[in-house]
C-alpha cells in the first residue's frame, strides 16, 4: 500500500523498464532556446491616436448612418458619428463636400486600448472590440487592394484567396528572415474531380495577452478557378 492507502502492484523495476522502452530512441532533454513558428503575428505598432468624428449640423441621421455603413475607409459607428484612425483630410476627401465632418475628440490609442474612453463612456472591453473591428476593415481593404477575392465562411468571417488567374498553379518559394523557407502551392487543380482548390486566410486582430493578428488557413473550391462552390451555410 502507498502512503495514500492506494493499492500498488508491480515493482519499481517495471516502471524503470517502461521508461527505458519509451525513451530508448528519444533525445535527451536539454535547456536551450527554441524557435516557435506561430500563426500569431505581432502588431509592431498602431496609429498614435484614434479620433471621434461627427457630421456637421444639417446632415440627417439616416444619411450619416448610410455613409458610415458604406464607407470603404475603416470606421466604426459611435453615437451619431464614428471612430477612426484616419485623418480628417483623408475622410473629408472620401465623404465629399456634401458630408462635412468635424473632429469632436481624440485620444491616444494606447490609452484607448488600456482604459477605454471615459469621456465618451467607452469601457476597455468595448474599446478593444472597436479596435478589432477597425483592424479587420483595414486588413480587408489591404487584401482587396492586393487583388484577392473574399468568401464568407460559416463563422461570418471572410476568407481571402487568389484566383487561378491571380497566381501560378506551380509551387512558389518563400523565405522568412532567419526562419523557415520552402515551397508551397497556393492554387491547385484536380483533373479527376474537375475543380480547383485555393489556399486562403482569415485574419483578426486581438490586443490581449499581446497585440497580435491571428491568421487561420482556409481552402476555397471553385469549378473554374474563379467562382467559389457552395456558400457560408453549406
C-alpha atoms as a PDB file:
ATOM      1  CA  UNK A   1       0.000   0.000   0.000  1.00  0.00           C
ATOM      2  CA  UNK A   2       1.193   3.552  -0.688  1.00  0.00           C
ATOM      3  CA  UNK A   3       1.173   6.374   1.859  1.00  0.00           C
ATOM      4  CA  UNK A   4      -2.215   7.454   0.458  1.00  0.00           C
ATOM      5  CA  UNK A   5      -3.531   3.925   1.092  1.00  0.00           C
ATOM      6  CA  UNK A   6      -3.771   3.238  -2.636  1.00  0.00           C
ATOM      7  CA  UNK A   7      -3.035  -0.329  -3.582  1.00  0.00           C
ATOM      8  CA  UNK A   8       0.082  -0.735  -5.701  1.00  0.00           C
ATOM      9  CA  UNK A   9       1.025  -3.616  -7.943  1.00  0.00           C
ATOM     10  CA  UNK A  10       4.303  -4.481  -9.545  1.00  0.00           C
ATOM     11  CA  UNK A  11       7.757  -3.207  -8.664  1.00  0.00           C
ATOM     12  CA  UNK A  12       9.750  -0.042  -9.297  1.00  0.00           C
ATOM     13  CA  UNK A  13      11.823  -2.051 -11.711  1.00  0.00           C
ATOM     14  CA  UNK A  14       8.799  -2.344 -14.003  1.00  0.00           C
ATOM     15  CA  UNK A  15       8.472   1.443 -14.070  1.00  0.00           C
ATOM     16  CA  UNK A  16      12.133   1.815 -14.941  1.00  0.00           C
ATOM     17  CA  UNK A  17      11.733  -0.762 -17.710  1.00  0.00           C
ATOM     18  CA  UNK A  18       8.667   1.055 -19.130  1.00  0.00           C
ATOM     19  CA  UNK A  19      10.504   4.377 -19.030  1.00  0.00           C
ATOM     20  CA  UNK A  20      13.538   2.880 -20.724  1.00  0.00           C
ATOM     21  CA  UNK A  21      11.473   1.439 -23.578  1.00  0.00           C
ATOM     22  CA  UNK A  22       9.719   4.729 -24.237  1.00  0.00           C
ATOM     23  CA  UNK A  23      12.899   6.800 -24.065  1.00  0.00           C
ATOM     24  CA  UNK A  24      15.068   4.348 -26.000  1.00  0.00           C
ATOM     25  CA  UNK A  25      15.010   6.373 -29.232  1.00  0.00           C
ATOM     26  CA  UNK A  26      14.220   9.740 -27.682  1.00  0.00           C
ATOM     27  CA  UNK A  27      16.643  12.611 -27.493  1.00  0.00           C
ATOM     28  CA  UNK A  28      17.843  13.768 -24.141  1.00  0.00           C
ATOM     29  CA  UNK A  29      16.167  16.836 -22.633  1.00  0.00           C
ATOM     30  CA  UNK A  30      18.252  19.999 -22.763  1.00  0.00           C
ATOM     31  CA  UNK A  31      17.679  23.557 -21.585  1.00  0.00           C
ATOM     32  CA  UNK A  32      18.052  25.644 -24.747  1.00  0.00           C
ATOM     33  CA  UNK A  33      16.217  28.303 -26.733  1.00  0.00           C
ATOM     34  CA  UNK A  34      13.901  27.078 -29.486  1.00  0.00           C
ATOM     35  CA  UNK A  35      12.139  28.936 -32.306  1.00  0.00           C
ATOM     36  CA  UNK A  36       8.339  28.892 -32.166  1.00  0.00           C
ATOM     37  CA  UNK A  37       6.525  29.126 -35.504  1.00  0.00           C
ATOM     38  CA  UNK A  38       3.088  30.519 -34.733  1.00  0.00           C
ATOM     39  CA  UNK A  39       0.019  31.829 -36.536  1.00  0.00           C
ATOM     40  CA  UNK A  40       0.093  34.832 -34.195  1.00  0.00           C
ATOM     41  CA  UNK A  41       1.756  37.763 -35.976  1.00  0.00           C
ATOM     42  CA  UNK A  42       2.758  40.524 -33.546  1.00  0.00           C
ATOM     43  CA  UNK A  43       1.480  44.041 -34.173  1.00  0.00           C
ATOM     44  CA  UNK A  44       4.637  46.149 -34.133  1.00  0.00           C
ATOM     45  CA  UNK A  45       2.851  49.495 -33.946  1.00  0.00           C
ATOM     46  CA  UNK A  46      -0.587  51.085 -34.029  1.00  0.00           C
ATOM     47  CA  UNK A  47      -1.688  54.589 -35.105  1.00  0.00           C
ATOM     48  CA  UNK A  48      -0.815  57.096 -32.402  1.00  0.00           C
ATOM     49  CA  UNK A  49      -4.330  58.455 -31.957  1.00  0.00           C
ATOM     50  CA  UNK A  50      -7.934  57.440 -32.503  1.00  0.00           C
ATOM     51  CA  UNK A  51     -10.430  60.175 -33.375  1.00  0.00           C
ATOM     52  CA  UNK A  52     -14.141  60.658 -32.786  1.00  0.00           C
ATOM     53  CA  UNK A  53     -15.843  62.292 -35.775  1.00  0.00           C
ATOM     54  CA  UNK A  54     -19.329  63.641 -36.269  1.00  0.00           C
ATOM     55  CA  UNK A  55     -21.104  65.126 -39.244  1.00  0.00           C
ATOM     56  CA  UNK A  56     -21.796  68.824 -39.009  1.00  0.00           C
ATOM     57  CA  UNK A  57     -25.313  70.102 -38.447  1.00  0.00           C
ATOM     58  CA  UNK A  58     -27.838  69.763 -41.228  1.00  0.00           C
ATOM     59  CA  UNK A  59     -26.935  66.166 -42.116  1.00  0.00           C
ATOM     60  CA  UNK A  60     -29.805  63.743 -41.477  1.00  0.00           C
ATOM     61  CA  UNK A  61     -29.193  60.765 -39.193  1.00  0.00           C
ATOM     62  CA  UNK A  62     -30.217  58.373 -41.963  1.00  0.00           C
ATOM     63  CA  UNK A  63     -27.757  59.905 -44.427  1.00  0.00           C
ATOM     64  CA  UNK A  64     -24.978  59.802 -41.816  1.00  0.00           C
ATOM     65  CA  UNK A  65     -25.645  56.150 -40.959  1.00  0.00           C
ATOM     66  CA  UNK A  66     -25.649  55.118 -44.619  1.00  0.00           C
ATOM     67  CA  UNK A  67     -22.376  56.968 -45.250  1.00  0.00           C
ATOM     68  CA  UNK A  68     -20.762  55.159 -42.314  1.00  0.00           C
ATOM     69  CA  UNK A  69     -22.131  51.776 -43.380  1.00  0.00           C
ATOM     70  CA  UNK A  70     -20.934  52.198 -46.987  1.00  0.00           C
ATOM     71  CA  UNK A  71     -17.520  53.628 -46.091  1.00  0.00           C
ATOM     72  CA  UNK A  72     -14.560  51.971 -47.756  1.00  0.00           C
ATOM     73  CA  UNK A  73     -12.245  53.543 -45.177  1.00  0.00           C
ATOM     74  CA  UNK A  74     -12.059  51.828 -41.753  1.00  0.00           C
ATOM     75  CA  UNK A  75     -14.630  53.500 -39.495  1.00  0.00           C
ATOM     76  CA  UNK A  76     -16.787  52.158 -36.656  1.00  0.00           C
ATOM     77  CA  UNK A  77     -20.105  53.787 -35.779  1.00  0.00           C
ATOM     78  CA  UNK A  78     -20.423  55.571 -32.448  1.00  0.00           C
ATOM     79  CA  UNK A  79     -23.352  57.762 -31.410  1.00  0.00           C
ATOM     80  CA  UNK A  80     -24.276  59.862 -34.470  1.00  0.00           C
ATOM     81  CA  UNK A  81     -20.717  59.759 -35.803  1.00  0.00           C
ATOM     82  CA  UNK A  82     -17.870  57.279 -35.835  1.00  0.00           C
ATOM     83  CA  UNK A  83     -14.396  56.418 -34.585  1.00  0.00           C
ATOM     84  CA  UNK A  84     -11.460  56.093 -36.967  1.00  0.00           C
ATOM     85  CA  UNK A  85      -7.684  56.203 -37.179  1.00  0.00           C
ATOM     86  CA  UNK A  86      -7.883  58.075 -40.497  1.00  0.00           C
ATOM     87  CA  UNK A  87      -7.020  61.763 -40.571  1.00  0.00           C
ATOM     88  CA  UNK A  88      -9.640  64.444 -41.127  1.00  0.00           C
ATOM     89  CA  UNK A  89      -8.498  65.433 -44.634  1.00  0.00           C
ATOM     90  CA  UNK A  90      -8.483  61.775 -45.763  1.00  0.00           C
ATOM     91  CA  UNK A  91     -12.023  61.194 -44.556  1.00  0.00           C
ATOM     92  CA  UNK A  92     -13.342  64.513 -45.820  1.00  0.00           C
ATOM     93  CA  UNK A  93     -11.901  63.871 -49.261  1.00  0.00           C
ATOM     94  CA  UNK A  94     -13.607  60.488 -49.265  1.00  0.00           C
ATOM     95  CA  UNK A  95     -17.045  61.564 -47.978  1.00  0.00           C
ATOM     96  CA  UNK A  96     -17.088  64.721 -50.114  1.00  0.00           C
ATOM     97  CA  UNK A  97     -18.356  68.275 -49.544  1.00  0.00           C
ATOM     98  CA  UNK A  98     -21.974  67.199 -49.017  1.00  0.00           C
ATOM     99  CA  UNK A  99     -20.990  65.350 -45.826  1.00  0.00           C
ATOM    100  CA  UNK A 100     -18.849  67.842 -43.874  1.00  0.00           C
ATOM    101  CA  UNK A 101     -17.027  66.331 -40.867  1.00  0.00           C
ATOM    102  CA  UNK A 102     -15.619  67.700 -37.662  1.00  0.00           C
ATOM    103  CA  UNK A 103     -13.319  66.144 -35.066  1.00  0.00           C
ATOM    104  CA  UNK A 104     -15.155  66.033 -31.740  1.00  0.00           C
ATOM    105  CA  UNK A 105     -12.355  64.481 -29.656  1.00  0.00           C
ATOM    106  CA  UNK A 106      -9.217  62.378 -29.903  1.00  0.00           C
ATOM    107  CA  UNK A 107      -7.377  60.000 -27.598  1.00  0.00           C
ATOM    108  CA  UNK A 108      -4.039  58.204 -27.569  1.00  0.00           C
ATOM    109  CA  UNK A 109      -4.526  54.706 -28.937  1.00  0.00           C
ATOM    110  CA  UNK A 110      -2.521  53.121 -26.118  1.00  0.00           C
ATOM    111  CA  UNK A 111      -4.764  54.813 -23.529  1.00  0.00           C
ATOM    112  CA  UNK A 112      -7.850  53.845 -25.524  1.00  0.00           C
ATOM    113  CA  UNK A 113      -6.893  50.161 -25.500  1.00  0.00           C
ATOM    114  CA  UNK A 114      -5.827  50.099 -21.867  1.00  0.00           C
ATOM    115  CA  UNK A 115      -8.508  52.247 -20.221  1.00  0.00           C
ATOM    116  CA  UNK A 116     -11.194  52.851 -22.820  1.00  0.00           C
ATOM    117  CA  UNK A 117     -12.509  56.397 -23.325  1.00  0.00           C
ATOM    118  CA  UNK A 118     -14.123  57.602 -20.068  1.00  0.00           C
ATOM    119  CA  UNK A 119     -15.266  60.928 -21.529  1.00  0.00           C
ATOM    120  CA  UNK A 120     -17.273  59.020 -24.154  1.00  0.00           C
ATOM    121  CA  UNK A 121     -18.326  56.297 -21.681  1.00  0.00           C
ATOM    122  CA  UNK A 122     -16.460  53.621 -23.657  1.00  0.00           C
ATOM    123  CA  UNK A 123     -15.192  50.889 -21.308  1.00  0.00           C
ATOM    124  CA  UNK A 124     -11.945  48.987 -22.089  1.00  0.00           C
ATOM    125  CA  UNK A 125     -13.705  45.873 -23.396  1.00  0.00           C
ATOM    126  CA  UNK A 126     -15.774  47.931 -25.823  1.00  0.00           C
ATOM    127  CA  UNK A 127     -12.682  49.862 -26.873  1.00  0.00           C
ATOM    128  CA  UNK A 128     -10.810  46.659 -27.717  1.00  0.00           C
ATOM    129  CA  UNK A 129     -13.807  45.381 -29.714  1.00  0.00           C
ATOM    130  CA  UNK A 130     -13.902  48.602 -31.738  1.00  0.00           C
ATOM    131  CA  UNK A 131     -10.151  48.341 -32.359  1.00  0.00           C
ATOM    132  CA  UNK A 132     -10.640  44.771 -33.612  1.00  0.00           C
ATOM    133  CA  UNK A 133     -13.370  45.966 -35.978  1.00  0.00           C
ATOM    134  CA  UNK A 134     -11.184  48.766 -37.360  1.00  0.00           C
ATOM    135  CA  UNK A 135      -8.233  46.391 -37.794  1.00  0.00           C
ATOM    136  CA  UNK A 136     -10.430  43.879 -39.627  1.00  0.00           C
ATOM    137  CA  UNK A 137     -11.624  46.562 -42.033  1.00  0.00           C
ATOM    138  CA  UNK A 138      -8.041  47.648 -42.627  1.00  0.00           C
ATOM    139  CA  UNK A 139      -6.910  44.093 -43.375  1.00  0.00           C
ATOM    140  CA  UNK A 140      -9.876  43.513 -45.688  1.00  0.00           C
ATOM    141  CA  UNK A 141      -9.017  46.699 -47.589  1.00  0.00           C
ATOM    142  CA  UNK A 142      -5.385  45.575 -47.895  1.00  0.00           C
ATOM    143  CA  UNK A 143      -6.300  42.126 -49.230  1.00  0.00           C
ATOM    144  CA  UNK A 144      -8.745  43.626 -51.700  1.00  0.00           C
ATOM    145  CA  UNK A 145      -6.116  46.096 -52.907  1.00  0.00           C
ATOM    146  CA  UNK A 146      -3.773  43.122 -53.491  1.00  0.00           C
ATOM    147  CA  UNK A 147      -6.313  41.612 -55.889  1.00  0.00           C
ATOM    148  CA  UNK A 148      -7.548  38.802 -53.618  1.00  0.00           C
ATOM    149  CA  UNK A 149     -11.166  37.637 -53.574  1.00  0.00           C
ATOM    150  CA  UNK A 150     -13.265  37.185 -50.443  1.00  0.00           C
ATOM    151  CA  UNK A 151     -15.514  34.293 -49.428  1.00  0.00           C
ATOM    152  CA  UNK A 152     -17.727  34.326 -46.356  1.00  0.00           C
ATOM    153  CA  UNK A 153     -17.243  31.220 -44.234  1.00  0.00           C
ATOM    154  CA  UNK A 154     -19.738  29.755 -41.761  1.00  0.00           C
ATOM    155  CA  UNK A 155     -18.481  31.888 -38.853  1.00  0.00           C
ATOM    156  CA  UNK A 156     -19.267  35.055 -40.807  1.00  0.00           C
ATOM    157  CA  UNK A 157     -15.596  35.918 -41.264  1.00  0.00           C
ATOM    158  CA  UNK A 158     -14.114  36.457 -44.698  1.00  0.00           C
ATOM    159  CA  UNK A 159     -11.521  34.156 -46.221  1.00  0.00           C
ATOM    160  CA  UNK A 160      -9.260  35.924 -48.709  1.00  0.00           C
ATOM    161  CA  UNK A 161      -7.893  33.842 -51.574  1.00  0.00           C
ATOM    162  CA  UNK A 162      -6.262  34.208 -55.024  1.00  0.00           C
ATOM    163  CA  UNK A 163      -7.976  33.165 -58.235  1.00  0.00           C
ATOM    164  CA  UNK A 164      -6.209  30.853 -60.665  1.00  0.00           C
ATOM    165  CA  UNK A 165      -5.561  33.864 -62.901  1.00  0.00           C
ATOM    166  CA  UNK A 166      -4.012  35.790 -59.984  1.00  0.00           C
ATOM    167  CA  UNK A 167      -1.239  33.303 -59.236  1.00  0.00           C
ATOM    168  CA  UNK A 168       0.526  30.272 -60.626  1.00  0.00           C
ATOM    169  CA  UNK A 169      -0.568  26.650 -60.283  1.00  0.00           C
ATOM    170  CA  UNK A 170       3.062  25.867 -59.549  1.00  0.00           C
ATOM    171  CA  UNK A 171       4.690  25.862 -56.136  1.00  0.00           C
ATOM    172  CA  UNK A 172       6.039  29.210 -55.008  1.00  0.00           C
ATOM    173  CA  UNK A 173       9.115  29.706 -52.872  1.00  0.00           C
ATOM    174  CA  UNK A 174       9.069  31.554 -49.563  1.00  0.00           C
ATOM    175  CA  UNK A 175      11.721  32.512 -47.041  1.00  0.00           C
ATOM    176  CA  UNK A 176      11.400  34.211 -43.658  1.00  0.00           C
ATOM    177  CA  UNK A 177      14.298  36.253 -42.289  1.00  0.00           C
ATOM    178  CA  UNK A 178      16.248  33.927 -40.005  1.00  0.00           C
ATOM    179  CA  UNK A 179      13.365  31.472 -40.265  1.00  0.00           C
ATOM    180  CA  UNK A 180      11.927  28.616 -42.322  1.00  0.00           C
ATOM    181  CA  UNK A 181      11.867  28.514 -46.097  1.00  0.00           C
ATOM    182  CA  UNK A 182      10.473  26.168 -48.714  1.00  0.00           C
ATOM    183  CA  UNK A 183       7.890  25.732 -51.448  1.00  0.00           C
ATOM    184  CA  UNK A 184       4.118  25.937 -51.199  1.00  0.00           C
ATOM    185  CA  UNK A 185       1.267  25.767 -53.696  1.00  0.00           C
ATOM    186  CA  UNK A 186      -1.477  28.395 -53.371  1.00  0.00           C
ATOM    187  CA  UNK A 187      -3.785  27.143 -56.136  1.00  0.00           C
ATOM    188  CA  UNK A 188      -4.175  23.609 -57.437  1.00  0.00           C
ATOM    189  CA  UNK A 189      -6.411  21.738 -59.836  1.00  0.00           C
ATOM    190  CA  UNK A 190      -7.907  18.272 -59.560  1.00  0.00           C
ATOM    191  CA  UNK A 191      -8.303  16.882 -63.054  1.00  0.00           C
ATOM    192  CA  UNK A 192     -10.201  13.880 -61.746  1.00  0.00           C
ATOM    193  CA  UNK A 193     -12.591  15.933 -59.637  1.00  0.00           C
ATOM    194  CA  UNK A 194     -12.840  18.770 -62.103  1.00  0.00           C
ATOM    195  CA  UNK A 195     -12.316  21.561 -59.581  1.00  0.00           C
ATOM    196  CA  UNK A 196      -9.691  23.998 -58.338  1.00  0.00           C
ATOM    197  CA  UNK A 197      -8.653  24.479 -54.743  1.00  0.00           C
ATOM    198  CA  UNK A 198      -7.329  27.786 -53.432  1.00  0.00           C
ATOM    199  CA  UNK A 199      -5.419  28.449 -50.241  1.00  0.00           C
ATOM    200  CA  UNK A 200      -6.812  31.428 -48.358  1.00  0.00           C
ATOM    201  CA  UNK A 201      -6.558  33.079 -44.974  1.00  0.00           C
ATOM    202  CA  UNK A 202      -8.831  34.675 -42.403  1.00  0.00           C
ATOM    203  CA  UNK A 203      -7.277  37.263 -40.095  1.00  0.00           C
ATOM    204  CA  UNK A 204      -8.432  39.035 -36.965  1.00  0.00           C
ATOM    205  CA  UNK A 205      -6.658  41.291 -34.507  1.00  0.00           C
ATOM    206  CA  UNK A 206      -6.515  40.923 -30.725  1.00  0.00           C
ATOM    207  CA  UNK A 207      -4.956  43.089 -28.017  1.00  0.00           C
ATOM    208  CA  UNK A 208      -4.547  40.526 -25.207  1.00  0.00           C
ATOM    209  CA  UNK A 209      -2.418  38.898 -23.934  1.00  0.00           C
ATOM    210  CA  UNK A 210      -0.317  40.746 -26.521  1.00  0.00           C
ATOM    211  CA  UNK A 211      -1.256  42.790 -29.576  1.00  0.00           C
ATOM    212  CA  UNK A 212      -1.330  40.391 -32.500  1.00  0.00           C
ATOM    213  CA  UNK A 213      -3.117  39.314 -35.668  1.00  0.00           C
ATOM    214  CA  UNK A 214      -4.186  35.701 -35.767  1.00  0.00           C
ATOM    215  CA  UNK A 215      -4.013  34.029 -39.183  1.00  0.00           C
ATOM    216  CA  UNK A 216      -6.102  30.931 -39.959  1.00  0.00           C
ATOM    217  CA  UNK A 217      -5.689  28.919 -43.149  1.00  0.00           C
ATOM    218  CA  UNK A 218      -8.734  28.206 -45.322  1.00  0.00           C
ATOM    219  CA  UNK A 219      -9.418  26.262 -48.513  1.00  0.00           C
ATOM    220  CA  UNK A 220     -11.861  27.551 -51.134  1.00  0.00           C
ATOM    221  CA  UNK A 221     -13.045  25.348 -54.002  1.00  0.00           C
ATOM    222  CA  UNK A 222     -14.017  26.596 -57.461  1.00  0.00           C
ATOM    223  CA  UNK A 223     -15.137  24.893 -60.642  1.00  0.00           C
ATOM    224  CA  UNK A 224     -13.360  27.321 -62.935  1.00  0.00           C
ATOM    225  CA  UNK A 225     -10.607  28.847 -60.815  1.00  0.00           C
ATOM    226  CA  UNK A 226     -12.679  31.963 -60.179  1.00  0.00           C
ATOM    227  CA  UNK A 227     -16.223  31.341 -58.864  1.00  0.00           C
ATOM    228  CA  UNK A 228     -16.477  29.629 -55.447  1.00  0.00           C
ATOM    229  CA  UNK A 229     -18.502  26.479 -54.952  1.00  0.00           C
ATOM    230  CA  UNK A 230     -21.015  26.448 -52.094  1.00  0.00           C
ATOM    231  CA  UNK A 231     -21.756  29.206 -49.610  1.00  0.00           C
ATOM    232  CA  UNK A 232     -21.314  30.030 -45.942  1.00  0.00           C
ATOM    233  CA  UNK A 233     -24.349  27.962 -44.897  1.00  0.00           C
ATOM    234  CA  UNK A 234     -23.229  24.743 -46.582  1.00  0.00           C
END
